[in-house]
Amino acid sequence: MSYQALARQYRPQNFKELVGQEHVSQALINGLEQDRIHHAFLFTGTRGVGKTTVARILAKALNCETGVTGSPCGVCGACMEISEGRFVDLIEVDAASRTGVDDTRELLENVQYAPTKGRYKIYLIDEVHMFSNSSFNALLKTLEEPPPHVKFLLATTEPKKLPVTVLSRCLQFNLKRLNLIQIKDHLIKLLNFQQAEFDESAVELIARAADGSMRDGLSLLDQSLAFGAGKVLDNEVKLMLGTMDKDRVVGLLDSIIVNNAEELTNQLQQIYVMSPDYSRFLDEMAYLVHEVSLFQILNKNVEGSQFDRATIANLVAKTTPEQIQLYYQIIIKGQSDINLAPDSKTGFEMTIIRLFAFKIGNPNNANKTQPVSTENKQIHSSRPFIQNTGNSQAQNNVNQVENHTQQKAIKPPVTEYSQPSAPTTKYTLAEITEQNWHTVYSDLLLKGTARELARNAHIVSNTDGVLVLAIDKQAHAFMTDNAQKLLCTALENITTEQISVKLVEEMQVERTIAKTEQSIQDESIRETKQQVNQNPFVKHMQENFDAEVIQIKQGQNFLEV
């Protein structure tokens, strides 16, 4: 007898044998047992999750010689014939090969006739979304009011392509993708049944590669049994799938995190020698980064993880949550780019280079890319944009406005755009006053909410070693325990004497750094806007073409004509 593929050999024969689709099987069993049987069923879901299998089991349940039941016997003539694909009253149609309206009309010609052997005549239409609009129209009336002896079972991977008129006439059941554990346990069960030698880690690799599809998992298991001469061993499955050892994935990510270019080059050379499936390697890196992020944010390990907790904890200690999120986005984007690259190796290596090159808050990048100066940033924020019409006089007018803007620009504090690495100045208590608070603020080592607290603070008093700061109402939301502690610690670090810091909430604090900087910016924008409105070219455009000067808020204010 010829060999039968595992996916066909071990196809579920009743609802209890279905894996991971309990929500569908329970609903169908209850409907059958209570004699609440709809005339049209639609089964949806990704490939290989059991849509056609469920439909065939339902056909058995409806035509079993023991009666309509949620547990077909599997041994009667009707059940056996349905299992073997030769039941005359089960008409299976591949919609992909019969898309025309004439095919549909021919199919429905015999609907009116009673079933030959069974209780019901069943039409099982697979990939029904492939029908043309005319075919759907020809099907609608029969689908809505079929004869009592006819049932329609429709299956599709793309329910969105079905007309709503068809969807409204069917009971819809969405079959879920299977998770890693469900596929792995089922494959192990089959291997034990066949008494085949296997490594559990190899079966896990197959289950992961199946990507939620039991049929894909069984097909890969078939392939691995052939590849390993009846055995499913770890090294052979890795070679077959083109996957890499988990230590190689961890090593590559570790060299990226610690910024070790020499080690990264080494890792890439070793990976190239092993000729892996580069797309699958990026998948493995995405899995690893996902687990690092879960451990980092939620202190949670992935169930059935291929990476041990110590490895994940080691990577977490070397990087930040923001950096891990950036890594994940680059890897996912690299997956889509890899097919557009000259070859998969080039696409893979460019993705790794991006991972290595882009760091969040990495001071080493300062030598590679010079930051925009604060002066230029202020000029850009209030620079008017006027479309170049090709007129030289118009361009001269634009230049006049730009020159005026540059003259008016005032350089904001350096601490707005960069943080010093260590305190450069020490102050006595007497030196920390309302008049020099701006200078003191420039020497504080602050970021985030603590920095905003300082920007919105005003010195109320500084007596007897107690510094009292009033916090403006717009910064009350930043007064978290951690932010207050950081601000107090920063002030203590730059003083030469013992100091105690007290923060009080005020509704209105006029003289804060934040408000001073905002008034400077507002004044610069006001003067720039006035200059733009007085510009001869702008006036000409307004008078002759109804042009309008629009102030747009995007980060900082700027003007656009």
Protein backbone atom coordinates (compact mmCIF):
# COMPACT_ATOMS: atom_id res chain seq x y z
CA MET A 1 0.00 0.00 0.00
CA SER A 2 1.31 3.48 -0.84
CA TYR A 3 2.43 5.76 2.00
CA GLN A 4 -0.13 8.26 3.27
CA ALA A 5 1.00 11.65 4.58
CA LEU A 6 0.68 12.21 8.33
CA ALA A 7 -1.74 15.11 7.76
CA ARG A 8 -4.13 12.68 6.01
CA GLN A 9 -3.31 9.61 8.08
CA TYR A 10 -4.10 11.33 11.39
CA ARG A 11 -6.93 13.63 10.29
CA PRO A 12 -9.44 13.99 13.20
CA GLN A 13 -12.51 11.79 12.71
CA ASN A 14 -14.76 13.37 15.36
CA PHE A 15 -15.09 16.59 17.30
CA LYS A 16 -13.21 15.25 20.33
CA GLU A 17 -10.07 14.66 18.26
CA LEU A 18 -9.89 18.30 17.13
CA VAL A 19 -6.94 20.19 18.63
CA GLY A 20 -7.40 23.76 19.87
CA GLN A 21 -10.85 24.44 18.39
CA GLU A 22 -13.01 23.71 21.42
CA HIS A 23 -15.09 26.87 20.90
CA VAL A 24 -16.21 25.57 17.50
CA SER A 25 -16.67 21.90 18.35
CA GLN A 26 -18.69 22.67 21.51
CA ALA A 27 -21.09 24.95 19.63
CA LEU A 28 -21.63 22.38 16.88
CA ILE A 29 -22.11 19.49 19.32
CA ASN A 30 -24.72 21.45 21.29
CA GLY A 31 -26.54 22.45 18.12
CA LEU A 32 -26.62 18.85 16.87
CA GLU A 33 -27.75 17.41 20.21
CA GLN A 34 -30.55 20.00 20.57
CA ASP A 35 -31.62 19.71 16.93
CA ARG A 36 -30.79 23.37 16.26
CA ILE A 37 -29.15 22.87 12.87
CA HIS A 38 -28.68 25.84 10.58
CA HIS A 39 -28.83 25.33 6.83
CA ALA A 40 -25.52 27.14 6.05
CA PHE A 41 -22.21 27.15 7.95
CA LEU A 42 -19.12 29.24 7.20
CA PHE A 43 -15.76 28.13 8.61
CA THR A 44 -12.95 30.71 8.49
CA GLY A 45 -9.34 30.77 9.62
CA THR A 46 -5.76 30.60 8.37
CA ARG A 47 -4.41 27.62 6.43
CA GLY A 48 -4.11 24.28 8.15
CA VAL A 49 -6.24 24.91 11.25
CA GLY A 50 -9.00 22.40 10.39
CA LYS A 51 -11.73 24.17 8.40
CA THR A 52 -12.34 21.33 5.90
CA THR A 53 -11.85 18.74 8.64
CA VAL A 54 -14.56 20.32 10.80
CA ALA A 55 -16.88 20.44 7.78
CA ARG A 56 -16.37 16.73 7.07
CA ILE A 57 -16.96 15.80 10.72
CA LEU A 58 -20.17 17.85 10.63
CA ALA A 59 -21.20 15.97 7.45
CA LYS A 60 -20.69 12.69 9.34
CA ALA A 61 -22.69 13.96 12.32
CA LEU A 62 -25.59 14.88 10.02
CA ASN A 63 -25.58 11.60 8.07
CA CYS A 64 -24.46 9.03 10.66
CA GLU A 65 -26.69 5.97 10.51
CA THR A 66 -27.13 6.08 14.29
CA GLY A 67 -28.93 9.43 13.89
CA VAL A 68 -28.02 13.12 13.97
CA THR A 69 -25.50 13.29 16.78
CA GLY A 70 -22.58 15.30 18.13
CA SER A 71 -20.55 12.06 18.33
CA PRO A 72 -20.67 10.24 14.99
CA CYS A 73 -19.87 6.54 15.33
CA GLY A 74 -17.19 6.47 12.62
CA VAL A 75 -17.91 2.82 11.72
CA CYS A 76 -21.22 2.92 9.88
CA GLY A 77 -21.41 3.00 6.09
CA ALA A 78 -22.00 6.76 5.85
CA CYS A 79 -19.16 7.63 8.25
CA MET A 80 -16.72 5.31 6.51
CA GLU A 81 -17.62 6.61 3.05
CA ILE A 82 -17.25 10.24 4.14
CA SER A 83 -13.85 9.45 5.69
CA GLU A 84 -12.75 7.80 2.46
CA GLY A 85 -14.13 10.64 0.29
CA ARG A 86 -16.67 8.55 -1.63
CA PHE A 87 -19.99 9.51 -0.03
CA VAL A 88 -22.34 10.31 -2.91
CA ASP A 89 -24.36 12.92 -1.00
CA LEU A 90 -21.29 14.94 0.07
CA ILE A 91 -20.45 17.16 -2.89
CA GLU A 92 -17.05 18.79 -2.36
CA VAL A 93 -16.32 21.78 -4.58
CA ASP A 94 -13.02 23.62 -5.02
CA ALA A 95 -14.19 27.19 -5.68
CA ALA A 96 -10.76 28.14 -7.03
CA SER A 97 -11.28 25.86 -10.04
CA ARG A 98 -15.00 26.57 -10.52
CA THR A 99 -15.26 30.34 -10.35
CA GLY A 100 -17.64 30.95 -13.26
CA VAL A 101 -21.38 31.49 -12.96
CA ASP A 102 -22.09 28.56 -15.32
CA ASP A 103 -20.20 26.23 -12.97
CA THR A 104 -22.31 27.43 -10.04
CA ARG A 105 -25.59 26.98 -11.94
CA GLU A 106 -24.56 23.48 -12.96
CA LEU A 107 -23.70 22.72 -9.35
CA LEU A 108 -27.11 23.87 -8.10
CA GLU A 109 -29.17 22.06 -10.74
CA ASN A 110 -29.50 18.98 -8.56
CA VAL A 111 -30.23 20.79 -5.28
CA GLN A 112 -33.96 20.10 -5.60
CA TYR A 113 -33.47 16.32 -5.70
CA ALA A 114 -33.48 14.28 -2.51
CA PRO A 115 -30.22 12.69 -1.26
CA THR A 116 -29.36 9.28 -2.71
CA LYS A 117 -28.18 7.49 0.45
CA GLY A 118 -27.81 9.92 3.31
CA ARG A 119 -30.12 11.99 5.44
CA TYR A 120 -28.88 15.27 3.97
CA LYS A 121 -27.28 16.35 0.72
CA ILE A 122 -24.27 18.43 1.72
CA TYR A 123 -22.41 20.94 -0.42
CA LEU A 124 -18.90 21.57 0.92
CA ILE A 125 -17.41 24.56 -0.95
CA ASP A 126 -13.72 25.15 -0.13
CA GLU A 127 -12.05 28.57 -0.62
CA VAL A 128 -15.45 30.02 -1.38
CA HIS A 129 -14.01 33.56 -1.61
CA MET A 130 -12.67 32.60 -5.07
CA PHE A 131 -16.20 32.65 -6.53
CA SER A 132 -16.93 35.52 -8.92
CA ASN A 133 -19.63 38.08 -8.11
CA SER A 134 -21.93 36.42 -10.64
CA SER A 135 -21.41 33.05 -8.97
CA PHE A 136 -22.27 34.51 -5.57
CA ASN A 137 -25.41 36.06 -7.02
CA ALA A 138 -26.42 32.72 -8.50
CA LEU A 139 -25.85 31.07 -5.12
CA LEU A 140 -27.68 33.61 -2.94
CA LYS A 141 -31.29 32.51 -3.35
CA THR A 142 -30.54 28.83 -2.85
CA LEU A 143 -28.23 29.66 0.08
CA GLU A 144 -30.96 31.63 1.81
CA GLU A 145 -33.84 29.17 1.31
CA PRO A 146 -32.47 25.72 0.41
CA PRO A 147 -34.66 22.62 0.45
CA PRO A 148 -34.88 20.99 3.90
CA HIS A 149 -32.64 18.12 2.81
CA VAL A 150 -29.70 20.40 1.80
CA LYS A 151 -26.93 21.85 3.96
CA PHE A 152 -24.19 24.23 2.79
CA LEU A 153 -20.74 24.08 4.42
CA LEU A 154 -18.46 26.89 3.24
CA ALA A 155 -14.76 27.28 4.08
CA THR A 156 -12.42 30.21 3.41
CA THR A 157 -9.17 31.77 4.52
CA GLU A 158 -10.34 35.27 3.53
CA PRO A 159 -13.86 35.98 4.81
CA LYS A 160 -13.45 39.71 4.06
CA LYS A 161 -13.69 38.91 0.36
CA LEU A 162 -17.16 37.42 0.76
CA PRO A 163 -20.17 39.64 0.04
CA VAL A 164 -22.08 40.66 3.15
CA THR A 165 -25.16 39.11 1.58
CA VAL A 166 -23.46 35.71 1.83
CA LEU A 167 -22.10 36.31 5.34
CA SER A 168 -25.55 37.25 6.64
CA ARG A 169 -27.00 33.94 5.45
CA CYS A 170 -24.48 31.75 7.28
CA LEU A 171 -23.51 30.78 10.79
CA GLN A 172 -19.87 31.84 10.96
CA PHE A 173 -17.21 29.99 12.97
CA ASN A 174 -13.68 31.39 13.14
CA LEU A 175 -11.05 28.70 13.78
CA LYS A 176 -8.09 29.97 15.79
CA ARG A 177 -4.39 29.65 15.03
CA LEU A 178 -2.89 26.96 17.24
CA ASN A 179 -0.26 27.94 19.78
CA LEU A 180 3.20 26.43 20.09
CA ILE A 181 2.31 24.12 22.98
CA GLN A 182 -0.77 22.67 21.26
CA ILE A 183 1.15 21.81 18.09
CA LYS A 184 4.16 20.47 19.98
CA ASP A 185 2.09 18.21 22.27
CA HIS A 186 0.14 16.80 19.33
CA LEU A 187 3.30 16.05 17.34
CA ILE A 188 4.87 14.32 20.35
CA LYS A 189 1.70 12.26 20.77
CA LEU A 190 1.92 11.09 17.14
CA LEU A 191 5.65 10.32 17.42
CA ASN A 192 5.04 8.23 20.53
CA PHE A 193 2.24 6.42 18.72
CA GLN A 194 4.64 5.63 15.87
CA GLN A 195 7.39 4.73 18.35
CA ALA A 196 9.82 7.04 16.58
CA GLU A 197 12.98 8.37 18.23
CA PHE A 198 12.90 12.15 18.71
CA ASP A 199 14.39 15.11 20.59
CA GLU A 200 11.80 17.30 22.28
CA SER A 201 13.77 20.42 21.29
CA ALA A 202 13.58 19.30 17.64
CA VAL A 203 9.80 18.89 17.85
CA GLU A 204 9.58 22.38 19.36
CA LEU A 205 11.51 23.78 16.38
CA ILE A 206 9.02 22.12 14.03
CA ALA A 207 6.06 23.43 16.03
CA ARG A 208 7.49 26.94 15.96
CA ALA A 209 8.10 26.74 12.20
CA ALA A 210 4.48 25.59 11.70
CA ASP A 211 3.39 29.12 12.65
CA GLY A 212 -0.02 28.19 14.05
CA SER A 213 -0.94 25.61 11.39
CA MET A 214 -1.30 21.99 12.46
CA ARG A 215 -1.18 20.80 8.85
CA ASP A 216 2.11 22.64 8.30
CA GLY A 217 3.43 21.07 11.48
CA LEU A 218 2.50 17.57 10.31
CA SER A 219 4.02 18.21 6.88
CA LEU A 220 7.28 19.39 8.46
CA LEU A 221 7.23 16.36 10.77
CA ASP A 222 6.82 14.14 7.70
CA GLN A 223 9.78 15.87 6.09
CA SER A 224 11.98 15.59 9.17
CA LEU A 225 11.20 11.86 9.53
CA ALA A 226 12.29 11.36 5.93
CA PHE A 227 15.37 13.56 6.43
CA GLY A 228 16.39 11.76 9.63
CA ALA A 229 15.59 8.22 8.41
CA GLY A 230 12.71 7.77 10.84
CA LYS A 231 14.22 9.93 13.62
CA VAL A 232 13.53 13.52 14.58
CA LEU A 233 16.81 14.81 16.01
CA ASP A 234 17.76 18.35 16.97
CA ASN A 235 20.77 18.93 14.69
CA GLU A 236 19.10 17.38 11.66
CA VAL A 237 15.92 19.44 12.09
CA LYS A 238 18.00 22.63 12.41
CA LEU A 239 19.82 21.73 9.22
CA MET A 240 16.55 20.95 7.45
CA LEU A 241 14.83 24.16 8.56
CA GLY A 242 17.90 26.36 8.17
CA THR A 243 17.66 27.53 11.78
CA MET A 244 20.59 28.49 13.97
CA ASP A 245 21.57 27.39 17.44
CA LYS A 246 19.98 29.60 20.09
CA ASP A 247 23.44 30.46 21.46
CA ARG A 248 24.32 31.95 18.06
CA VAL A 249 21.21 34.16 18.17
CA VAL A 250 21.99 35.26 21.73
CA GLY A 251 25.64 35.90 20.87
CA LEU A 252 24.75 38.09 17.91
CA LEU A 253 22.28 40.19 19.91
CA ASP A 254 24.74 40.48 22.81
CA SER A 255 27.51 41.83 20.53
CA ILE A 256 25.04 44.42 19.18
CA ILE A 257 23.95 45.50 22.67
CA VAL A 258 27.52 45.91 24.01
CA ASN A 259 28.58 47.68 20.79
CA ASN A 260 31.41 45.22 20.03
CA ALA A 261 32.11 45.64 16.30
CA GLU A 262 34.87 43.01 16.22
CA GLU A 263 32.71 40.34 17.85
CA LEU A 264 29.78 41.26 15.59
CA THR A 265 31.97 40.78 12.48
CA ASN A 266 33.08 37.43 13.87
CA GLN A 267 29.49 36.32 14.46
CA LEU A 268 28.39 37.33 10.93
CA GLN A 269 31.26 35.37 9.37
CA GLN A 270 30.37 32.24 11.35
CA ILE A 271 26.70 32.60 10.41
CA TYR A 272 27.60 32.95 6.72
CA VAL A 273 29.65 29.74 6.83
CA MET A 274 26.61 27.83 8.13
CA SER A 275 24.40 29.04 5.20
CA PRO A 276 21.24 29.57 7.28
CA ASP A 277 17.79 30.69 6.24
CA TYR A 278 18.34 34.39 6.96
CA SER A 279 14.64 35.17 7.17
CA ARG A 280 14.15 32.46 9.78
CA PHE A 281 17.21 33.76 11.66
CA LEU A 282 15.55 37.18 11.92
CA ASP A 283 12.44 35.40 13.22
CA GLU A 284 14.57 33.85 15.98
CA MET A 285 16.02 37.27 16.84
CA ALA A 286 12.50 38.73 17.00
CA TYR A 287 11.46 35.93 19.40
CA LEU A 288 14.50 36.68 21.58
CA VAL A 289 13.91 40.44 21.64
CA HIS A 290 10.23 39.83 22.46
CA GLU A 291 11.20 37.68 25.45
CA VAL A 292 13.73 40.26 26.65
CA SER A 293 11.06 42.96 26.49
CA LEU A 294 8.51 40.85 28.41
CA PHE A 295 11.06 40.12 31.13
CA GLN A 296 12.18 43.77 31.19
CA ILE A 297 8.73 45.35 31.46
CA LEU A 298 6.51 42.68 33.04
CA ASN A 299 9.12 40.44 34.71
CA LYS A 300 7.53 37.53 32.87
CA ASN A 301 9.02 34.60 30.97
CA VAL A 302 7.43 33.18 27.83
CA GLU A 303 5.84 29.77 28.39
CA GLY A 304 7.86 27.08 26.61
CA SER A 305 10.71 29.50 25.88
CA GLN A 306 13.81 28.15 24.14
CA PHE A 307 15.95 30.69 26.03
CA ASP A 308 16.68 30.19 29.73
CA ARG A 309 15.88 32.84 32.32
CA ALA A 310 19.54 33.59 33.14
CA THR A 311 20.30 34.38 29.48
CA ILE A 312 17.33 36.74 29.23
CA ALA A 313 18.22 38.42 32.55
CA ASN A 314 21.80 38.97 31.35
CA LEU A 315 20.59 40.75 28.19
CA VAL A 316 18.08 42.82 30.18
CA ALA A 317 20.84 44.12 32.45
CA LYS A 318 22.81 45.47 29.47
CA THR A 319 20.14 47.53 27.73
CA THR A 320 17.04 49.68 28.14
CA PRO A 321 13.37 49.03 27.31
CA GLU A 322 13.43 51.81 24.70
CA GLN A 323 16.41 50.26 22.92
CA ILE A 324 14.77 46.83 22.87
CA GLN A 325 11.65 48.34 21.28
CA LEU A 326 13.83 49.94 18.60
CA TYR A 327 15.57 46.60 17.96
CA TYR A 328 12.21 44.88 17.51
CA GLN A 329 10.98 47.45 15.00
CA ILE A 330 14.22 47.23 12.99
CA ILE A 331 14.04 43.41 12.90
CA ILE A 332 10.39 43.37 11.80
CA LYS A 333 11.11 45.97 9.14
CA GLY A 334 14.16 43.96 8.06
CA GLN A 335 11.92 40.94 7.44
CA SER A 336 9.96 42.87 4.82
CA ASP A 337 13.10 44.41 3.33
CA ILE A 338 14.97 41.12 2.99
CA ASN A 339 12.90 40.15 -0.07
CA LEU A 340 13.74 43.45 -1.75
CA ALA A 341 17.50 43.16 -1.21
CA PRO A 342 19.84 41.90 -3.98
CA ASP A 343 20.09 38.67 -1.99
CA SER A 344 18.96 37.47 1.44
CA LYS A 345 22.48 37.68 2.92
CA THR A 346 22.75 41.36 2.00
CA GLY A 347 19.29 42.12 3.38
CA PHE A 348 20.10 40.28 6.61
CA GLU A 349 23.45 41.99 7.14
CA MET A 350 22.01 45.44 6.45
CA THR A 351 19.38 44.77 9.12
CA ILE A 352 22.09 43.76 11.60
CA ILE A 353 24.11 46.89 10.73
CA ARG A 354 21.03 49.02 11.45
CA LEU A 355 20.64 47.29 14.81
CA PHE A 356 24.28 48.06 15.58
CA ALA A 357 24.27 51.65 14.29
CA PHE A 358 21.10 53.04 15.83
CA LYS A 359 21.22 53.50 19.58
CA ILE A 360 18.89 55.54 21.77
CA GLY A 361 20.82 58.06 23.86
CA ASN A 362 24.20 56.61 22.87
CA PRO A 363 26.94 59.26 23.44
CA ASN A 364 29.22 57.39 21.05
CA ASN A 365 27.03 58.57 18.18
CA ALA A 366 27.92 62.20 18.89
CA ASN A 367 31.15 61.91 16.92
CA LYS A 368 29.35 60.42 13.94
CA THR A 369 26.45 62.89 13.69
CA GLN A 370 26.81 66.44 14.94
CA PRO A 371 23.67 67.60 16.76
CA VAL A 372 21.86 70.67 15.50
CA SER A 373 23.07 73.71 17.40
CA THR A 374 20.57 75.37 19.71
CA GLU A 375 20.94 78.60 17.78
CA ASN A 376 20.02 76.93 14.50
CA LYS A 377 17.17 75.11 16.20
CA GLN A 378 15.68 78.40 17.41
CA ILE A 379 16.10 80.00 13.98
CA HIS A 380 14.41 77.03 12.29
CA SER A 381 11.52 77.10 14.72
CA SER A 382 10.50 80.62 13.71
CA ARG A 383 11.68 80.63 10.10
CA PRO A 384 8.95 81.52 7.58
CA PHE A 385 8.50 79.18 4.66
CA ILE A 386 7.60 80.87 1.35
CA GLN A 387 7.22 78.84 -1.80
CA ASN A 388 9.87 79.72 -4.41
CA THR A 389 8.08 81.04 -7.48
CA GLY A 390 11.26 81.45 -9.53
CA ASN A 391 11.22 85.25 -8.99
CA SER A 392 14.65 86.56 -7.90
CA GLN A 393 13.05 89.56 -6.16
CA ALA A 394 10.85 87.18 -4.18
CA GLN A 395 13.91 85.18 -3.12
CA ASN A 396 15.64 88.40 -1.96
CA ASN A 397 12.61 89.20 0.15
CA VAL A 398 12.72 85.73 1.70
CA ASN A 399 16.42 86.20 2.51
CA GLN A 400 15.65 89.52 4.21
CA VAL A 401 13.16 87.81 6.50
CA GLU A 402 15.63 84.99 7.27
CA ASN A 403 18.40 87.46 8.13
CA HIS A 404 16.09 89.34 10.46
CA THR A 405 15.13 86.05 12.15
CA GLN A 406 18.78 85.11 12.68
CA GLN A 407 19.50 88.49 14.30
CA LYS A 408 16.59 88.07 16.71
CA ALA A 409 17.27 84.47 17.66
CA ILE A 410 18.39 84.01 21.24
CA LYS A 411 20.32 80.97 22.30
CA PRO A 412 18.39 78.86 24.86
CA PRO A 413 20.16 77.06 27.72
CA VAL A 414 22.35 74.13 26.68
CA THR A 415 20.59 71.89 29.17
CA GLU A 416 17.47 71.98 27.01
CA TYR A 417 19.19 69.78 24.48
CA SER A 418 21.98 67.96 26.29
CA GLN A 419 22.81 66.79 29.76
CA PRO A 420 26.28 67.18 31.36
CA SER A 421 27.94 63.95 32.34
CA ALA A 422 29.05 65.22 35.78
CA PRO A 423 28.53 68.38 37.92
CA THR A 424 31.04 71.02 36.79
CA THR A 425 30.37 73.70 39.45
CA LYS A 426 29.81 73.68 43.19
CA TYR A 427 27.74 76.34 44.94
CA THR A 428 27.49 77.63 48.48
CA LEU A 429 24.05 78.09 49.97
CA ALA A 430 24.30 81.84 49.60
CA GLU A 431 24.97 81.48 45.89
CA ILE A 432 21.71 79.65 45.18
CA THR A 433 19.40 82.62 44.72
CA GLU A 434 16.47 83.65 42.58
CA GLN A 435 18.81 85.71 40.39
CA ASN A 436 21.18 82.87 39.48
CA TRP A 437 18.65 79.98 39.52
CA HIS A 438 18.98 79.73 35.73
CA THR A 439 22.73 79.08 36.09
CA VAL A 440 22.23 76.54 38.87
CA TYR A 441 19.62 74.75 36.75
CA SER A 442 22.17 74.47 33.92
CA ASP A 443 24.49 72.45 36.19
CA LEU A 444 21.88 70.00 37.48
CA LEU A 445 22.04 66.39 36.26
CA LEU A 446 18.36 66.01 35.44
CA LYS A 447 16.22 64.33 32.81
CA GLY A 448 12.55 63.69 32.20
CA THR A 449 10.02 64.69 34.86
CA ALA A 450 12.66 65.88 37.38
CA ARG A 451 14.04 68.25 34.75
CA GLU A 452 10.55 69.63 34.09
CA LEU A 453 10.08 70.20 37.82
CA ALA A 454 13.24 72.32 37.90
CA ARG A 455 12.21 74.27 34.77
CA ASN A 456 8.89 75.14 36.38
CA ALA A 457 10.29 75.98 39.84
CA HIS A 458 11.00 79.33 41.50
CA ILE A 459 13.11 79.92 44.62
CA VAL A 460 10.87 81.19 47.42
CA SER A 461 13.48 81.25 50.17
CA ASN A 462 16.90 79.94 51.16
CA THR A 463 17.43 80.33 54.88
CA ASP A 464 18.86 78.17 57.64
CA GLY A 465 19.98 75.52 55.15
CA VAL A 466 16.45 75.02 53.80
CA LEU A 467 15.84 75.74 50.09
CA VAL A 468 12.13 76.20 49.34
CA LEU A 469 11.03 75.84 45.71
CA ALA A 470 7.56 76.77 44.48
CA ILE A 471 6.32 74.57 41.60
CA ASP A 472 4.04 76.14 39.00
CA LYS A 473 0.60 74.55 38.45
CA GLN A 474 1.52 73.34 34.95
CA ALA A 475 4.14 71.03 36.48
CA HIS A 476 2.05 69.60 39.34
CA ALA A 477 1.54 66.39 37.36
CA PHE A 478 5.33 65.86 37.40
CA MET A 479 5.57 65.92 41.20
CA THR A 480 5.99 62.20 41.60
CA ASP A 481 7.97 60.82 44.52
CA ASN A 482 10.78 59.73 42.21
CA ALA A 483 11.01 63.10 40.40
CA GLN A 484 11.11 65.03 43.70
CA LYS A 485 13.80 62.72 45.03
CA LEU A 486 15.93 63.15 41.90
CA LEU A 487 15.63 66.95 42.01
CA CYS A 488 16.56 67.10 45.71
CA THR A 489 19.52 64.76 45.20
CA ALA A 490 20.77 66.81 42.23
CA LEU A 491 20.67 70.02 44.27
CA GLU A 492 22.50 68.36 47.17
CA ASN A 493 25.21 67.14 44.77
CA ILE A 494 26.14 70.65 43.56
CA THR A 495 26.27 72.36 46.97
CA THR A 496 29.30 72.58 49.22
CA GLU A 497 27.21 72.68 52.42
CA GLN A 498 24.45 70.59 53.94
CA ILE A 499 21.12 71.55 52.42
CA SER A 500 17.48 70.51 52.78
CA VAL A 501 15.13 70.97 49.81
CA LYS A 502 11.39 71.54 50.18
CA LEU A 503 8.93 71.62 47.24
CA VAL A 504 5.57 73.39 47.52
CA GLU A 505 2.76 73.50 44.96
CA GLU A 506 1.61 76.95 43.86
CA MET A 507 -1.19 77.85 41.47
CA GLN A 508 0.77 80.59 39.71
CA VAL A 509 4.54 81.05 39.63
CA GLU A 510 5.53 83.86 37.29
CA ARG A 511 9.33 83.74 37.23
CA THR A 512 10.26 80.20 36.14
CA ILE A 513 12.79 79.11 33.56
CA ALA A 514 10.04 77.52 31.47
CA LYS A 515 8.02 80.74 31.33
CA THR A 516 11.09 82.85 30.60
CA GLU A 517 12.03 80.64 27.67
CA GLN A 518 8.42 80.63 26.44
CA SER A 519 8.23 84.43 26.52
CA ILE A 520 11.50 84.68 24.58
CA GLN A 521 10.17 82.26 21.99
CA ASP A 522 6.81 84.05 21.78
CA GLU A 523 8.53 87.41 21.32
CA SER A 524 10.77 86.00 18.59
CA ILE A 525 7.76 84.52 16.78
CA ARG A 526 5.77 87.75 17.16
CA GLU A 527 8.57 89.83 15.68
CA THR A 528 9.10 87.32 12.90
CA LYS A 529 5.40 87.33 12.07
CA GLN A 530 5.38 91.12 12.04
CA GLN A 531 8.39 91.14 9.73
CA VAL A 532 6.72 88.62 7.41
CA ASN A 533 3.53 90.68 7.25
CA GLN A 534 5.56 93.80 6.39
CA ASN A 535 7.55 92.03 3.70
CA PRO A 536 6.78 93.55 0.24
CA PHE A 537 6.56 90.15 -1.41
CA VAL A 538 4.11 88.86 1.19
CA LYS A 539 1.99 91.98 0.85
CA HIS A 540 2.01 91.54 -2.91
CA MET A 541 0.85 87.92 -2.56
CA GLN A 542 -1.89 88.91 -0.11
CA GLU A 543 -3.21 91.76 -2.24
CA ASN A 544 -3.15 89.95 -5.60
CA PHE A 545 -3.66 86.29 -4.77
CA ASP A 546 -5.52 86.36 -1.43
CA ALA A 547 -2.54 84.66 0.24
CA GLU A 548 -2.79 84.07 3.97
CA VAL A 549 -0.09 83.89 6.63
CA ILE A 550 -0.73 80.81 8.74
CA GLN A 551 0.89 80.06 12.08
CA ILE A 552 1.39 76.33 12.51
CA LYS A 553 2.24 74.53 15.72
CA GLN A 554 4.62 71.64 15.15
CA GLY A 555 6.91 71.06 18.08
CA GLN A 556 7.73 74.77 18.15
CA ASN A 557 5.93 77.56 16.32
CA PHE A 558 6.87 78.59 12.81
CA LEU A 559 5.17 80.58 10.11
CA GLU A 560 4.15 79.43 6.67
CA VAL A 561 2.74 81.44 3.75
